[in-house]
């Protein structure tokens, strides 16, 4: 075999080798993509299974605890004489977060639980704000001759004395807070209406 024949043989062989290399690389990329897709599908199925197996009771506890935790800034602001309905946003956000952290199921029941948790959180914040106000008044001497043990009786007496004015003020405060809280939790609360439309 002379030198020219050897050059022709090498030239014919190289495209074949390169083609096989490209095919091998393509197969490796395809296998990698399939493994990635399978991994994603597995994680999605695992997440869906956790949601399906979630406990409504446990998640409701988380939602209520979250709403009450989110109402603390509301109570502190109210006790200082500031009325920030926008703090209701924090109550709604924490209610949803508490439900999610304890892996509750999604759907219409989730929306109802979050709504109840928001209402409980708002009421807790309102009452806690009133109690903090009374504590501040006892400490600065505005209420003479009273101790912390007298807080329940002072609270009841204050509500009776204020009468309708107190309830109007409280309802206005709670109403503003509820609007902001519902806005924060709307992604979950909207499931209530979406499922109703699907059923129709």
N, C-alpha and C. Protein backbone atom coordinates (compact mmCIF):
# COMPACT_ATOMS: atom_id res chain seq x y z
N UNK A 1 0.88 -1.19 0.00
CA UNK A 1 0.00 0.00 0.00
C UNK A 1 0.90 1.23 0.00
N UNK A 2 0.75 2.11 -1.01
CA UNK A 2 1.60 3.28 -1.07
C UNK A 2 1.04 4.39 -0.19
N UNK A 3 1.76 5.50 -0.15
CA UNK A 3 1.41 6.60 0.76
C UNK A 3 0.07 7.22 0.37
N UNK A 4 -0.24 7.32 -0.90
CA UNK A 4 -1.50 7.92 -1.34
C UNK A 4 -2.69 7.08 -0.90
N UNK A 5 -2.56 5.74 -0.99
CA UNK A 5 -3.65 4.86 -0.56
C UNK A 5 -3.90 4.99 0.93
N UNK A 6 -2.81 5.12 1.70
CA UNK A 6 -2.97 5.25 3.16
C UNK A 6 -3.71 6.55 3.51
N UNK A 7 -3.39 7.63 2.79
CA UNK A 7 -4.08 8.90 3.06
C UNK A 7 -5.56 8.79 2.75
N UNK A 8 -5.91 8.12 1.66
CA UNK A 8 -7.32 7.93 1.32
C UNK A 8 -8.05 7.13 2.38
N UNK A 9 -7.39 6.08 2.92
CA UNK A 9 -7.99 5.22 3.94
C UNK A 9 -8.25 6.01 5.22
N UNK A 10 -7.27 6.82 5.63
CA UNK A 10 -7.43 7.64 6.85
C UNK A 10 -8.56 8.65 6.67
N UNK A 11 -8.62 9.27 5.47
CA UNK A 11 -9.67 10.26 5.18
C UNK A 11 -11.05 9.62 5.25
N UNK A 12 -11.19 8.39 4.73
CA UNK A 12 -12.48 7.69 4.78
C UNK A 12 -12.84 7.27 6.20
N UNK A 13 -11.86 7.02 7.03
CA UNK A 13 -12.11 6.48 8.37
C UNK A 13 -12.52 7.59 9.35
N UNK A 14 -11.95 8.78 9.20
CA UNK A 14 -12.18 9.84 10.17
C UNK A 14 -13.65 10.26 10.28
N UNK A 15 -14.38 10.47 9.18
CA UNK A 15 -15.80 10.83 9.31
C UNK A 15 -16.60 9.79 10.07
N UNK A 16 -16.23 8.50 9.84
CA UNK A 16 -16.95 7.44 10.55
C UNK A 16 -16.74 7.55 12.04
N UNK A 17 -15.49 7.78 12.46
CA UNK A 17 -15.18 7.90 13.89
C UNK A 17 -15.89 9.10 14.50
N UNK A 18 -15.84 10.24 13.76
CA UNK A 18 -16.50 11.44 14.28
C UNK A 18 -18.01 11.23 14.40
N UNK A 19 -18.59 10.55 13.40
CA UNK A 19 -20.03 10.28 13.45
C UNK A 19 -20.39 9.43 14.65
N UNK A 20 -19.55 8.40 14.92
CA UNK A 20 -19.81 7.55 16.08
C UNK A 20 -19.67 8.33 17.38
N UNK A 21 -18.69 9.25 17.43
CA UNK A 21 -18.53 10.06 18.63
C UNK A 21 -19.75 10.95 18.85
N UNK A 22 -20.25 11.56 17.74
CA UNK A 22 -21.43 12.41 17.87
C UNK A 22 -22.64 11.61 18.31
N UNK A 23 -22.79 10.42 17.76
CA UNK A 23 -23.93 9.57 18.15
C UNK A 23 -23.83 9.17 19.62
N UNK A 24 -22.60 8.86 20.08
CA UNK A 24 -22.42 8.50 21.49
C UNK A 24 -22.74 9.66 22.41
N UNK A 25 -22.26 10.85 22.03
CA UNK A 25 -22.55 12.04 22.84
C UNK A 25 -24.04 12.32 22.87
N UNK A 26 -24.70 12.14 21.72
CA UNK A 26 -26.14 12.37 21.65
C UNK A 26 -26.89 11.40 22.55
N UNK A 27 -26.43 10.13 22.54
CA UNK A 27 -27.09 9.14 23.40
C UNK A 27 -26.91 9.50 24.87
N UNK A 28 -25.70 10.00 25.23
CA UNK A 28 -25.46 10.36 26.63
C UNK A 28 -26.32 11.54 27.05
N UNK A 29 -26.46 12.54 26.17
CA UNK A 29 -27.31 13.70 26.47
C UNK A 29 -28.76 13.27 26.61
N UNK A 30 -29.21 12.40 25.70
CA UNK A 30 -30.59 11.91 25.77
C UNK A 30 -30.85 11.16 27.06
N UNK A 31 -29.90 10.33 27.48
CA UNK A 31 -30.07 9.58 28.73
C UNK A 31 -30.11 10.52 29.92
N UNK A 32 -29.27 11.58 29.88
CA UNK A 32 -29.26 12.55 30.97
C UNK A 32 -30.57 13.30 31.07
N UNK A 33 -31.13 13.67 29.91
CA UNK A 33 -32.41 14.37 29.91
C UNK A 33 -33.53 13.48 30.44
N UNK A 34 -33.49 12.19 30.08
CA UNK A 34 -34.52 11.28 30.58
C UNK A 34 -34.43 11.13 32.09
N UNK A 35 -33.18 11.05 32.62
CA UNK A 35 -33.02 10.94 34.07
C UNK A 35 -33.52 12.20 34.78
N UNK A 36 -33.24 13.38 34.19
CA UNK A 36 -33.71 14.63 34.78
C UNK A 36 -35.23 14.71 34.79
N UNK A 37 -35.84 14.32 33.67
CA UNK A 37 -37.30 14.32 33.58
C UNK A 37 -37.91 13.36 34.59
N UNK A 38 -37.32 12.17 34.70
CA UNK A 38 -37.82 11.18 35.65
C UNK A 38 -37.69 11.69 37.08
N UNK A 39 -36.59 12.40 37.37
CA UNK A 39 -36.39 12.94 38.71
C UNK A 39 -37.42 14.01 39.04
N UNK A 40 -37.70 14.87 38.07
CA UNK A 40 -38.71 15.91 38.28
C UNK A 40 -40.08 15.30 38.50
N UNK A 41 -40.41 14.28 37.67
CA UNK A 41 -41.70 13.62 37.81
C UNK A 41 -41.83 12.96 39.18
N UNK A 42 -40.74 12.37 39.65
CA UNK A 42 -40.74 11.71 40.95
C UNK A 42 -40.97 12.71 42.07
N UNK A 43 -40.29 13.89 41.97
CA UNK A 43 -40.48 14.91 43.00
C UNK A 43 -41.90 15.45 42.98
N UNK A 44 -42.48 15.63 41.77
CA UNK A 44 -43.83 16.14 41.67
C UNK A 44 -44.83 15.16 42.26
N UNK A 45 -44.66 13.88 41.95
CA UNK A 45 -45.56 12.86 42.49
C UNK A 45 -45.44 12.79 44.01
N UNK A 46 -44.21 12.94 44.51
CA UNK A 46 -44.00 12.91 45.96
C UNK A 46 -44.71 14.07 46.63
N UNK A 47 -44.62 15.27 46.00
CA UNK A 47 -45.28 16.45 46.55
C UNK A 47 -46.79 16.28 46.54
N UNK A 48 -47.31 15.74 45.42
CA UNK A 48 -48.76 15.52 45.33
C UNK A 48 -49.24 14.50 46.35
N UNK A 49 -48.42 13.47 46.60
CA UNK A 49 -48.79 12.46 47.58
C UNK A 49 -48.83 13.06 48.99
N UNK A 50 -47.83 13.93 49.30
CA UNK A 50 -47.82 14.57 50.61
C UNK A 50 -49.05 15.44 50.79
N UNK A 51 -49.44 16.17 49.71
CA UNK A 51 -50.62 17.02 49.79
C UNK A 51 -51.88 16.19 49.99
N UNK A 52 -51.96 15.04 49.30
CA UNK A 52 -53.14 14.18 49.41
C UNK A 52 -53.22 13.54 50.78
N UNK A 53 -52.07 13.24 51.38
CA UNK A 53 -52.05 12.58 52.68
C UNK A 53 -52.05 13.56 53.84
N UNK A 54 -52.08 14.87 53.56
CA UNK A 54 -52.01 15.87 54.62
C UNK A 54 -53.21 15.80 55.55
N UNK A 55 -53.00 16.26 56.77
CA UNK A 55 -54.05 16.25 57.77
C UNK A 55 -54.68 17.63 57.87
N UNK A 56 -56.00 17.70 57.70
CA UNK A 56 -56.69 18.97 57.84
C UNK A 56 -56.61 19.49 59.27
N UNK A 57 -56.73 18.58 60.24
CA UNK A 57 -56.70 19.00 61.65
C UNK A 57 -55.35 19.60 62.01
N UNK A 58 -54.28 18.92 61.59
CA UNK A 58 -52.93 19.42 61.89
C UNK A 58 -52.68 20.75 61.18
N UNK A 59 -53.08 20.84 59.93
CA UNK A 59 -52.87 22.06 59.16
C UNK A 59 -53.72 23.21 59.70
N UNK A 60 -54.93 22.89 60.20
CA UNK A 60 -55.78 23.93 60.78
C UNK A 60 -55.12 24.52 62.02
N UNK A 61 -54.48 23.67 62.81
CA UNK A 61 -53.73 24.15 63.99
C UNK A 61 -52.63 25.10 63.55
N UNK A 62 -51.93 24.74 62.48
CA UNK A 62 -50.88 25.60 61.96
C UNK A 62 -51.42 26.93 61.46
N UNK A 63 -52.56 26.89 60.77
CA UNK A 63 -53.15 28.12 60.24
C UNK A 63 -53.58 29.06 61.36
N UNK A 64 -54.22 28.50 62.39
CA UNK A 64 -54.68 29.32 63.52
C UNK A 64 -53.49 29.90 64.28
N UNK A 65 -52.48 29.04 64.52
CA UNK A 65 -51.28 29.51 65.22
C UNK A 65 -50.58 30.61 64.41
N UNK A 66 -50.52 30.41 63.09
CA UNK A 66 -49.90 31.42 62.24
C UNK A 66 -50.66 32.74 62.27
N UNK A 67 -51.99 32.67 62.21
CA UNK A 67 -52.81 33.88 62.24
C UNK A 67 -52.66 34.63 63.56
N UNK A 68 -52.61 33.88 64.66
CA UNK A 68 -52.45 34.51 65.97
C UNK A 68 -51.06 35.13 66.11
N UNK A 69 -50.06 34.46 65.56
CA UNK A 69 -48.71 35.02 65.56
C UNK A 69 -48.66 36.30 64.72
N UNK A 70 -49.33 36.27 63.59
CA UNK A 70 -49.36 37.44 62.72
C UNK A 70 -50.15 38.60 63.31
N UNK A 71 -51.00 38.32 64.30
CA UNK A 71 -51.82 39.38 64.90
C UNK A 71 -51.07 40.15 65.99
N UNK A 72 -49.89 39.68 66.39
CA UNK A 72 -49.14 40.35 67.47
C UNK A 72 -48.78 41.79 67.08
N UNK A 73 -48.22 42.03 65.88
CA UNK A 73 -47.95 43.43 65.50
C UNK A 73 -49.23 44.28 65.49
N UNK A 74 -50.34 43.65 65.08
CA UNK A 74 -51.63 44.35 65.09
C UNK A 74 -51.97 44.79 66.51
N UNK A 75 -51.85 43.87 67.48
CA UNK A 75 -52.19 44.17 68.87
C UNK A 75 -51.29 45.26 69.44
N UNK A 76 -49.99 45.17 69.16
CA UNK A 76 -49.04 46.16 69.68
C UNK A 76 -49.36 47.55 69.11
N UNK A 77 -49.60 47.62 67.79
CA UNK A 77 -49.92 48.91 67.17
C UNK A 77 -51.22 49.48 67.74
N UNK A 78 -52.22 48.62 67.93
CA UNK A 78 -53.51 49.07 68.45
C UNK A 78 -53.38 49.61 69.87
N UNK A 79 -52.54 48.95 70.68
CA UNK A 79 -52.36 49.39 72.07
C UNK A 79 -51.66 50.75 72.15
N UNK A 80 -50.94 51.11 71.09
CA UNK A 80 -50.27 52.40 71.05
C UNK A 80 -51.15 53.50 70.43
N UNK A 81 -52.37 53.11 70.10
CA UNK A 81 -53.30 54.08 69.54
C UNK A 81 -53.23 54.21 68.04
N UNK A 82 -52.48 53.30 67.39
CA UNK A 82 -52.38 53.32 65.93
C UNK A 82 -53.32 52.26 65.36
N UNK A 83 -54.06 52.63 64.36
CA UNK A 83 -54.96 51.68 63.70
C UNK A 83 -54.45 51.47 62.28
N UNK A 84 -53.80 50.34 62.07
CA UNK A 84 -53.25 50.01 60.76
C UNK A 84 -53.96 48.76 60.23
N UNK A 85 -55.02 48.97 59.47
CA UNK A 85 -55.72 47.82 58.90
C UNK A 85 -54.83 47.00 58.00
N UNK A 86 -53.80 47.65 57.44
CA UNK A 86 -52.91 46.94 56.52
C UNK A 86 -52.16 45.82 57.22
N UNK A 87 -52.06 45.89 58.55
CA UNK A 87 -51.40 44.80 59.29
C UNK A 87 -52.20 43.51 59.20
N UNK A 88 -53.45 43.61 58.78
CA UNK A 88 -54.24 42.40 58.55
C UNK A 88 -53.63 41.55 57.45
N UNK A 89 -52.89 42.18 56.54
CA UNK A 89 -52.19 41.45 55.49
C UNK A 89 -51.26 40.41 56.09
N UNK A 90 -50.58 40.79 57.18
CA UNK A 90 -49.66 39.87 57.84
C UNK A 90 -50.40 38.68 58.46
N UNK A 91 -51.59 38.93 58.96
CA UNK A 91 -52.40 37.85 59.55
C UNK A 91 -52.78 36.83 58.48
N UNK A 92 -53.24 37.32 57.33
CA UNK A 92 -53.60 36.41 56.24
C UNK A 92 -52.41 35.64 55.73
N UNK A 93 -51.29 36.32 55.56
CA UNK A 93 -50.08 35.66 55.08
C UNK A 93 -49.63 34.56 56.05
N UNK A 94 -49.61 34.86 57.35
CA UNK A 94 -49.16 33.88 58.34
C UNK A 94 -50.12 32.70 58.47
N UNK A 95 -51.42 32.95 58.26
CA UNK A 95 -52.40 31.86 58.30
C UNK A 95 -52.12 30.86 57.19
N UNK A 96 -51.90 31.36 55.98
CA UNK A 96 -51.59 30.49 54.84
C UNK A 96 -50.27 29.77 55.05
N UNK A 97 -49.28 30.51 55.56
CA UNK A 97 -47.96 29.93 55.79
C UNK A 97 -48.02 28.81 56.83
N UNK A 98 -48.77 29.03 57.90
CA UNK A 98 -48.90 28.00 58.93
C UNK A 98 -49.58 26.75 58.40
N UNK A 99 -50.59 26.94 57.55
CA UNK A 99 -51.28 25.79 56.94
C UNK A 99 -50.33 25.02 56.04
N UNK A 100 -49.56 25.75 55.24
CA UNK A 100 -48.65 25.11 54.28
C UNK A 100 -47.52 24.37 54.98
N UNK A 101 -46.97 24.97 56.03
CA UNK A 101 -45.84 24.35 56.74
C UNK A 101 -46.22 23.00 57.35
N UNK A 102 -47.48 22.85 57.76
CA UNK A 102 -47.92 21.58 58.34
C UNK A 102 -48.55 20.67 57.29
N UNK A 103 -48.30 21.01 56.01
CA UNK A 103 -48.63 20.13 54.88
C UNK A 103 -50.10 19.71 54.84
N UNK A 104 -50.98 20.71 54.90
CA UNK A 104 -52.41 20.42 54.77
C UNK A 104 -52.80 20.19 53.32
N UNK A 105 -53.92 19.52 53.12
CA UNK A 105 -54.41 19.26 51.77
C UNK A 105 -54.90 20.56 51.14
N UNK A 106 -54.86 20.61 49.82
CA UNK A 106 -55.35 21.79 49.11
C UNK A 106 -56.80 21.57 48.70
N UNK A 107 -57.49 22.67 48.46
CA UNK A 107 -58.87 22.56 48.00
C UNK A 107 -59.81 23.45 48.79
N UNK A 108 -61.08 23.16 48.67
CA UNK A 108 -62.11 24.01 49.27
C UNK A 108 -62.02 24.04 50.79
N UNK A 109 -61.75 22.90 51.41
CA UNK A 109 -61.63 22.86 52.86
C UNK A 109 -60.47 23.72 53.34
N UNK A 110 -59.39 23.73 52.57
CA UNK A 110 -58.25 24.57 52.91
C UNK A 110 -58.68 26.04 52.96
N UNK A 111 -59.46 26.47 51.98
CA UNK A 111 -59.92 27.86 51.94
C UNK A 111 -60.77 28.19 53.16
N UNK A 112 -61.67 27.28 53.52
CA UNK A 112 -62.53 27.52 54.69
C UNK A 112 -61.71 27.60 55.97
N UNK A 113 -60.73 26.72 56.10
CA UNK A 113 -59.88 26.72 57.30
C UNK A 113 -59.10 28.03 57.41
N UNK A 114 -58.57 28.49 56.30
CA UNK A 114 -57.79 29.74 56.31
C UNK A 114 -58.68 30.93 56.67
N UNK A 115 -59.91 30.95 56.16
CA UNK A 115 -60.85 32.03 56.50
C UNK A 115 -61.14 32.04 57.99
N UNK A 116 -61.43 30.87 58.56
CA UNK A 116 -61.71 30.78 60.00
C UNK A 116 -60.48 31.22 60.80
N UNK A 117 -59.29 30.78 60.36
CA UNK A 117 -58.06 31.15 61.06
C UNK A 117 -57.85 32.66 61.02
N UNK A 118 -58.15 33.30 59.90
CA UNK A 118 -58.01 34.75 59.79
C UNK A 118 -58.94 35.46 60.76
N UNK A 119 -60.20 35.02 60.83
CA UNK A 119 -61.16 35.64 61.75
C UNK A 119 -60.69 35.48 63.19
N UNK A 120 -60.22 34.28 63.55
CA UNK A 120 -59.71 34.05 64.91
C UNK A 120 -58.50 34.95 65.19
N UNK A 121 -57.61 35.05 64.20
CA UNK A 121 -56.43 35.91 64.37
C UNK A 121 -56.81 37.37 64.56
N UNK A 122 -57.78 37.86 63.81
CA UNK A 122 -58.23 39.24 63.95
C UNK A 122 -58.84 39.50 65.32
N UNK A 123 -59.71 38.59 65.76
CA UNK A 123 -60.33 38.75 67.08
C UNK A 123 -59.28 38.69 68.19
N UNK A 124 -58.33 37.76 68.05
CA UNK A 124 -57.25 37.66 69.03
C UNK A 124 -56.44 38.95 69.09
N UNK A 125 -56.13 39.50 67.92
CA UNK A 125 -55.37 40.74 67.87
C UNK A 125 -56.12 41.90 68.50
N UNK A 126 -57.43 41.98 68.25
CA UNK A 126 -58.24 43.05 68.82
C UNK A 126 -58.28 42.95 70.35
N UNK A 127 -58.56 41.75 70.85
CA UNK A 127 -58.65 41.57 72.30
C UNK A 127 -57.28 41.79 72.95
N UNK A 128 -56.23 41.24 72.33
CA UNK A 128 -54.88 41.42 72.87
C UNK A 128 -54.50 42.90 72.89
N UNK A 129 -54.90 43.65 71.86
CA UNK A 129 -54.63 45.08 71.83
C UNK A 129 -55.33 45.82 72.95
N UNK A 130 -56.59 45.45 73.22
CA UNK A 130 -57.32 46.06 74.33
C UNK A 130 -56.65 45.76 75.66
N UNK A 131 -56.24 44.52 75.85
CA UNK A 131 -55.60 44.13 77.11
C UNK A 131 -54.26 44.85 77.29
N UNK A 132 -53.49 44.97 76.23
CA UNK A 132 -52.23 45.70 76.31
C UNK A 132 -52.47 47.17 76.65
N UNK A 133 -53.56 47.73 76.14
CA UNK A 133 -53.91 49.11 76.46
C UNK A 133 -54.20 49.27 77.95
N UNK A 134 -54.96 48.32 78.50
CA UNK A 134 -55.28 48.36 79.93
C UNK A 134 -54.01 48.21 80.77
N UNK A 135 -53.13 47.29 80.36
CA UNK A 135 -51.86 47.11 81.09
C UNK A 135 -51.05 48.40 81.10
N UNK A 136 -51.01 49.08 79.97
CA UNK A 136 -50.27 50.34 79.88
C UNK A 136 -50.88 51.39 80.80
N UNK A 137 -52.20 51.42 80.87
CA UNK A 137 -52.88 52.40 81.73
C UNK A 137 -52.66 52.11 83.20
N UNK A 138 -52.60 50.83 83.54
CA UNK A 138 -52.31 50.46 84.94
C UNK A 138 -50.89 50.87 85.30
N UNK A 139 -49.97 50.63 84.40
CA UNK A 139 -48.55 50.93 84.68
C UNK A 139 -48.27 52.43 84.77
N UNK A 140 -48.97 53.23 83.96
CA UNK A 140 -48.70 54.68 84.02
C UNK A 140 -49.59 55.42 85.01
N UNK A 141 -50.41 54.68 85.75
CA UNK A 141 -51.21 55.29 86.82
C UNK A 141 -52.54 55.85 86.36
N UNK A 142 -52.91 55.63 85.09
CA UNK A 142 -54.19 56.14 84.62
C UNK A 142 -55.35 55.43 85.30
N UNK A 143 -55.16 54.18 85.65
CA UNK A 143 -56.16 53.42 86.40
C UNK A 143 -55.58 53.21 87.80
N UNK A 144 -56.13 53.92 88.77
CA UNK A 144 -55.57 53.93 90.13
C UNK A 144 -56.12 52.76 90.94
N UNK A 145 -55.23 52.15 91.72
CA UNK A 145 -55.65 51.11 92.65
C UNK A 145 -55.98 49.78 92.01
N UNK A 146 -55.51 49.55 90.81
CA UNK A 146 -55.79 48.28 90.12
C UNK A 146 -54.49 47.53 89.87
N UNK A 147 -54.61 46.22 89.80
CA UNK A 147 -53.46 45.37 89.49
C UNK A 147 -53.77 44.55 88.25
N UNK A 148 -52.78 43.74 87.85
CA UNK A 148 -52.97 42.91 86.66
C UNK A 148 -54.12 41.92 86.84
N UNK A 149 -54.39 41.54 88.06
CA UNK A 149 -55.49 40.61 88.32
C UNK A 149 -56.85 41.23 88.01
N UNK A 150 -56.91 42.56 87.97
CA UNK A 150 -58.17 43.25 87.72
C UNK A 150 -58.45 43.45 86.23
N UNK A 151 -57.53 43.01 85.38
CA UNK A 151 -57.68 43.26 83.94
C UNK A 151 -59.00 42.74 83.37
N UNK A 152 -59.40 41.48 83.66
CA UNK A 152 -60.68 41.00 83.08
C UNK A 152 -61.88 41.87 83.47
N UNK A 153 -61.97 42.24 84.74
CA UNK A 153 -63.12 43.05 85.18
C UNK A 153 -63.06 44.46 84.58
N UNK A 154 -61.85 45.01 84.47
CA UNK A 154 -61.71 46.34 83.86
C UNK A 154 -62.11 46.28 82.39
N UNK A 155 -61.72 45.22 81.72
CA UNK A 155 -62.03 45.07 80.29
C UNK A 155 -63.53 45.00 80.07
N UNK A 156 -64.20 44.18 80.86
CA UNK A 156 -65.65 44.04 80.72
C UNK A 156 -66.36 45.36 81.03
N UNK A 157 -65.91 46.04 82.09
CA UNK A 157 -66.50 47.33 82.46
C UNK A 157 -66.29 48.37 81.36
N UNK A 158 -65.11 48.36 80.75
CA UNK A 158 -64.81 49.33 79.70
C UNK A 158 -65.72 49.12 78.49
N UNK A 159 -65.96 47.85 78.15
CA UNK A 159 -66.83 47.55 77.01
C UNK A 159 -68.27 47.99 77.31
N UNK A 160 -68.73 47.71 78.55
CA UNK A 160 -70.09 48.11 78.93
C UNK A 160 -70.24 49.63 78.92
N UNK A 161 -69.22 50.31 79.41
CA UNK A 161 -69.27 51.78 79.49
C UNK A 161 -69.25 52.41 78.10
N UNK A 162 -68.36 51.91 77.25
CA UNK A 162 -68.25 52.47 75.90
C UNK A 162 -69.47 52.13 75.05
N UNK A 163 -70.02 50.93 75.27
CA UNK A 163 -71.23 50.54 74.57
C UNK A 163 -71.05 50.47 73.06
N UNK A 164 -71.99 51.08 72.34
CA UNK A 164 -71.99 51.01 70.88
C UNK A 164 -70.77 51.65 70.24
N UNK A 165 -70.21 52.67 70.89
CA UNK A 165 -69.04 53.35 70.33
C UNK A 165 -67.86 52.39 70.21
N UNK A 166 -67.69 51.55 71.24
CA UNK A 166 -66.58 50.59 71.20
C UNK A 166 -66.77 49.60 70.06
N UNK A 167 -67.98 49.07 69.94
CA UNK A 167 -68.23 48.05 68.92
C UNK A 167 -68.13 48.63 67.51
N UNK A 168 -68.55 49.88 67.34
CA UNK A 168 -68.42 50.50 66.02
C UNK A 168 -66.94 50.67 65.65
N UNK A 169 -66.16 51.12 66.62
CA UNK A 169 -64.73 51.29 66.38
C UNK A 169 -64.05 49.95 66.11
N UNK A 170 -64.42 48.94 66.92
CA UNK A 170 -63.81 47.61 66.77
C UNK A 170 -64.18 46.99 65.42
N UNK A 171 -65.44 47.13 65.03
CA UNK A 171 -65.89 46.55 63.76
C UNK A 171 -65.21 47.22 62.57
N UNK A 172 -65.02 48.55 62.66
CA UNK A 172 -64.32 49.25 61.59
C UNK A 172 -62.88 48.76 61.48
N UNK A 173 -62.23 48.62 62.62
CA UNK A 173 -60.86 48.15 62.66
C UNK A 173 -60.75 46.73 62.11
N UNK A 174 -61.66 45.87 62.57
CA UNK A 174 -61.65 44.48 62.12
C UNK A 174 -61.99 44.37 60.63
N UNK A 175 -62.89 45.21 60.17
CA UNK A 175 -63.28 45.19 58.76
C UNK A 175 -62.11 45.53 57.85
N UNK A 176 -61.36 46.57 58.21
CA UNK A 176 -60.19 46.95 57.42
C UNK A 176 -59.14 45.83 57.44
N UNK A 177 -58.96 45.25 58.63
CA UNK A 177 -58.00 44.15 58.75
C UNK A 177 -58.41 42.94 57.94
N UNK A 178 -59.71 42.65 57.93
CA UNK A 178 -60.21 41.49 57.19
C UNK A 178 -59.99 41.65 55.69
N UNK A 179 -60.21 42.84 55.18
CA UNK A 179 -60.00 43.09 53.75
C UNK A 179 -58.55 42.82 53.37
N UNK A 180 -57.63 43.35 54.18
CA UNK A 180 -56.20 43.16 53.89
C UNK A 180 -55.79 41.70 54.06
N UNK A 181 -56.35 41.02 55.06
CA UNK A 181 -56.00 39.62 55.29
C UNK A 181 -56.50 38.74 54.15
N UNK A 182 -57.72 39.00 53.68
CA UNK A 182 -58.27 38.23 52.56
C UNK A 182 -57.45 38.47 51.30
N UNK A 183 -57.01 39.70 51.11
CA UNK A 183 -56.16 40.02 49.95
C UNK A 183 -54.87 39.20 49.99
N UNK A 184 -54.27 39.09 51.20
CA UNK A 184 -53.02 38.34 51.35
C UNK A 184 -53.23 36.85 51.08
N UNK A 185 -54.41 36.34 51.46
CA UNK A 185 -54.66 34.90 51.34
C UNK A 185 -55.55 34.57 50.14
N UNK A 186 -55.70 35.50 49.22
CA UNK A 186 -56.66 35.31 48.13
C UNK A 186 -56.34 34.11 47.25
N UNK A 187 -55.07 33.82 47.07
CA UNK A 187 -54.70 32.67 46.23
C UNK A 187 -55.32 31.38 46.76
N UNK A 188 -55.40 31.26 48.08
CA UNK A 188 -56.01 30.08 48.70
C UNK A 188 -57.52 30.23 48.78
N UNK A 189 -57.99 31.39 49.20
CA UNK A 189 -59.43 31.60 49.36
C UNK A 189 -60.17 31.47 48.02
N UNK A 190 -59.51 31.85 46.93
CA UNK A 190 -60.14 31.77 45.61
C UNK A 190 -60.45 30.34 45.21
N UNK A 191 -59.80 29.36 45.83
CA UNK A 191 -60.10 27.95 45.54
C UNK A 191 -61.55 27.62 45.86
N UNK A 192 -62.11 28.34 46.80
CA UNK A 192 -63.50 28.13 47.18
C UNK A 192 -64.42 28.37 45.99
N UNK A 193 -64.16 29.42 45.23
CA UNK A 193 -65.00 29.79 44.10
C UNK A 193 -64.65 28.99 42.85
N UNK A 194 -63.37 28.68 42.68
CA UNK A 194 -62.95 27.90 41.52
C UNK A 194 -63.58 26.52 41.54
N UNK A 195 -63.58 25.87 42.70
CA UNK A 195 -64.15 24.53 42.80
C UNK A 195 -65.66 24.56 42.64
N UNK A 196 -66.30 25.62 43.13
CA UNK A 196 -67.75 25.72 42.95
C UNK A 196 -68.10 25.83 41.47
N UNK A 197 -67.32 26.61 40.72
CA UNK A 197 -67.57 26.73 39.28
C UNK A 197 -67.34 25.40 38.58
N UNK A 198 -66.31 24.64 39.02
CA UNK A 198 -66.03 23.35 38.39
C UNK A 198 -67.16 22.38 38.63
N UNK A 199 -67.77 22.46 39.84
CA UNK A 199 -68.85 21.53 40.16
C UNK A 199 -70.10 21.83 39.33
N UNK A 200 -70.31 23.13 39.03
CA UNK A 200 -71.49 23.49 38.23
C UNK A 200 -71.33 23.00 36.80
